Amino acid sequence: MASPAASETPYAAAVRLGCSIEQLGYCARCQGYCHRYGQGGGPLCPPCWEIVEQARKRG
């Protein structure tokens, strides 16, 4: 599993993910920042979500 980017601030992550800082949380898979709470949020960051989707298509 990937480790979270230690140098990324919560504010930078919110901008990158297109959500507010109150909607940030940690990815359930890699523990990196993700849009976790609120409308459009989910338990996984985009890279981990892609991995899960690829596995689901194969499986």
N, C-alpha and C. Protein backbone atom coordinates (compact mmCIF):
# COMPACT_ATOMS: atom_id res chain seq x y z
N MET A 1 0.83 -1.19 0.00
CA MET A 1 0.00 0.00 0.00
C MET A 1 0.87 1.25 0.00
N ALA A 2 0.35 2.26 -0.58
CA ALA A 2 1.07 3.54 -0.61
C ALA A 2 0.92 4.25 0.73
N SER A 3 1.91 5.03 1.07
CA SER A 3 1.82 5.83 2.28
C SER A 3 1.39 7.24 1.92
N PRO A 4 0.72 7.93 2.84
CA PRO A 4 0.25 9.27 2.53
C PRO A 4 1.40 10.24 2.30
N ALA A 5 1.15 11.23 1.48
CA ALA A 5 2.16 12.26 1.22
C ALA A 5 2.27 13.17 2.44
N ALA A 6 3.35 13.03 3.17
CA ALA A 6 3.52 13.76 4.42
C ALA A 6 3.64 15.26 4.20
N SER A 7 4.14 15.66 3.06
CA SER A 7 4.36 17.08 2.83
C SER A 7 3.09 17.83 2.39
N GLU A 8 2.05 17.12 2.03
CA GLU A 8 0.82 17.78 1.59
C GLU A 8 0.01 18.25 2.80
N THR A 9 -0.33 19.51 2.80
CA THR A 9 -1.14 20.04 3.89
C THR A 9 -2.60 19.71 3.64
N PRO A 10 -3.42 19.72 4.68
CA PRO A 10 -4.85 19.50 4.47
C PRO A 10 -5.47 20.51 3.51
N TYR A 11 -5.00 21.74 3.57
CA TYR A 11 -5.54 22.77 2.68
C TYR A 11 -5.20 22.47 1.22
N ALA A 12 -3.97 22.05 0.96
CA ALA A 12 -3.58 21.69 -0.40
C ALA A 12 -4.36 20.47 -0.90
N ALA A 13 -4.59 19.51 -0.01
CA ALA A 13 -5.35 18.32 -0.39
C ALA A 13 -6.79 18.69 -0.73
N ALA A 14 -7.38 19.59 0.03
CA ALA A 14 -8.76 20.02 -0.24
C ALA A 14 -8.85 20.69 -1.61
N VAL A 15 -7.88 21.51 -1.94
CA VAL A 15 -7.87 22.16 -3.25
C VAL A 15 -7.71 21.12 -4.35
N ARG A 16 -6.78 20.20 -4.17
CA ARG A 16 -6.52 19.16 -5.17
C ARG A 16 -7.75 18.28 -5.39
N LEU A 17 -8.47 17.98 -4.32
CA LEU A 17 -9.63 17.09 -4.41
C LEU A 17 -10.93 17.83 -4.73
N GLY A 18 -10.90 19.15 -4.68
CA GLY A 18 -12.09 19.92 -5.00
C GLY A 18 -13.17 19.86 -3.94
N CYS A 19 -12.76 19.82 -2.69
CA CYS A 19 -13.73 19.79 -1.59
C CYS A 19 -13.27 20.76 -0.50
N SER A 20 -14.12 20.96 0.49
CA SER A 20 -13.74 21.83 1.61
C SER A 20 -12.91 21.02 2.61
N ILE A 21 -12.19 21.72 3.44
CA ILE A 21 -11.34 21.05 4.42
C ILE A 21 -12.17 20.23 5.42
N GLU A 22 -13.41 20.65 5.64
CA GLU A 22 -14.29 19.91 6.55
C GLU A 22 -14.70 18.56 5.96
N GLN A 23 -14.56 18.39 4.66
CA GLN A 23 -14.94 17.14 4.01
C GLN A 23 -13.78 16.18 3.84
N LEU A 24 -12.59 16.57 4.26
CA LEU A 24 -11.41 15.72 4.15
C LEU A 24 -11.42 14.63 5.21
N GLY A 25 -10.87 13.52 4.83
CA GLY A 25 -10.66 12.41 5.76
C GLY A 25 -9.52 11.58 5.21
N TYR A 26 -9.31 10.43 5.79
CA TYR A 26 -8.24 9.55 5.34
C TYR A 26 -8.81 8.38 4.56
N CYS A 27 -8.12 8.03 3.49
CA CYS A 27 -8.50 6.89 2.66
C CYS A 27 -8.42 5.61 3.50
N ALA A 28 -9.42 4.76 3.37
CA ALA A 28 -9.46 3.51 4.13
C ALA A 28 -8.38 2.53 3.69
N ARG A 29 -7.85 2.69 2.49
CA ARG A 29 -6.85 1.76 1.99
C ARG A 29 -5.43 2.25 2.23
N CYS A 30 -5.13 3.49 1.82
CA CYS A 30 -3.73 3.96 1.88
C CYS A 30 -3.48 5.01 2.95
N GLN A 31 -4.52 5.50 3.58
CA GLN A 31 -4.43 6.52 4.62
C GLN A 31 -4.01 7.89 4.10
N GLY A 32 -4.07 8.10 2.79
CA GLY A 32 -3.85 9.43 2.21
C GLY A 32 -5.12 10.25 2.35
N TYR A 33 -5.04 11.53 2.04
CA TYR A 33 -6.23 12.38 2.11
C TYR A 33 -7.21 12.01 1.00
N CYS A 34 -8.49 12.07 1.34
CA CYS A 34 -9.53 11.88 0.35
C CYS A 34 -10.75 12.71 0.72
N HIS A 35 -11.62 12.92 -0.26
CA HIS A 35 -12.91 13.60 -0.04
C HIS A 35 -13.80 12.56 0.62
N ARG A 36 -13.79 12.54 1.93
CA ARG A 36 -14.42 11.45 2.69
C ARG A 36 -15.86 11.76 3.10
N TYR A 37 -16.13 12.99 3.46
CA TYR A 37 -17.44 13.33 4.05
C TYR A 37 -18.23 14.27 3.15
N GLY A 38 -19.53 14.30 3.32
CA GLY A 38 -20.39 15.21 2.58
C GLY A 38 -20.76 14.64 1.22
N GLN A 39 -21.48 15.44 0.45
CA GLN A 39 -21.94 15.02 -0.86
C GLN A 39 -20.75 14.75 -1.78
N GLY A 40 -20.74 13.60 -2.40
CA GLY A 40 -19.65 13.22 -3.30
C GLY A 40 -18.49 12.55 -2.62
N GLY A 41 -18.55 12.42 -1.30
CA GLY A 41 -17.46 11.81 -0.56
C GLY A 41 -17.51 10.29 -0.62
N GLY A 42 -16.41 9.67 -0.27
CA GLY A 42 -16.34 8.22 -0.26
C GLY A 42 -15.18 7.76 0.61
N PRO A 43 -15.08 6.47 0.84
CA PRO A 43 -14.05 5.96 1.75
C PRO A 43 -12.66 5.84 1.13
N LEU A 44 -12.56 5.98 -0.21
CA LEU A 44 -11.27 5.78 -0.88
C LEU A 44 -10.85 7.02 -1.66
N CYS A 45 -9.53 7.22 -1.76
CA CYS A 45 -9.00 8.29 -2.60
C CYS A 45 -9.11 7.86 -4.06
N PRO A 46 -9.01 8.78 -5.01
CA PRO A 46 -9.16 8.41 -6.43
C PRO A 46 -8.22 7.30 -6.90
N PRO A 47 -6.92 7.31 -6.55
CA PRO A 47 -6.06 6.21 -7.01
C PRO A 47 -6.48 4.84 -6.45
N CYS A 48 -6.86 4.79 -5.19
CA CYS A 48 -7.29 3.52 -4.60
C CYS A 48 -8.64 3.09 -5.18
N TRP A 49 -9.51 4.04 -5.45
CA TRP A 49 -10.80 3.72 -6.06
C TRP A 49 -10.58 3.06 -7.43
N GLU A 50 -9.62 3.58 -8.19
CA GLU A 50 -9.31 3.02 -9.50
C GLU A 50 -8.80 1.58 -9.37
N ILE A 51 -7.98 1.31 -8.39
CA ILE A 51 -7.46 -0.04 -8.16
C ILE A 51 -8.61 -1.00 -7.86
N VAL A 52 -9.53 -0.57 -7.02
CA VAL A 52 -10.68 -1.40 -6.66
C VAL A 52 -11.56 -1.66 -7.88
N GLU A 53 -11.79 -0.63 -8.69
CA GLU A 53 -12.62 -0.79 -9.88
C GLU A 53 -11.97 -1.74 -10.88
N GLN A 54 -10.66 -1.66 -11.06
CA GLN A 54 -9.97 -2.57 -11.96
C GLN A 54 -10.08 -4.01 -11.47
N ALA A 55 -9.93 -4.22 -10.17
CA ALA A 55 -10.06 -5.56 -9.61
C ALA A 55 -11.48 -6.09 -9.76
N ARG A 56 -12.46 -5.22 -9.59
CA ARG A 56 -13.86 -5.63 -9.74
C ARG A 56 -14.14 -6.06 -11.17
N LYS A 57 -13.58 -5.36 -12.15
CA LYS A 57 -13.79 -5.72 -13.56
C LYS A 57 -13.15 -7.06 -13.90
N ARG A 58 -12.01 -7.37 -13.28
CA ARG A 58 -11.33 -8.64 -13.54
C ARG A 58 -12.03 -9.80 -12.86
N GLY A 59 -12.64 -9.50 -11.71
CA GLY A 59 -13.10 -10.53 -10.84
C GLY A 59 -14.34 -11.20 -11.00
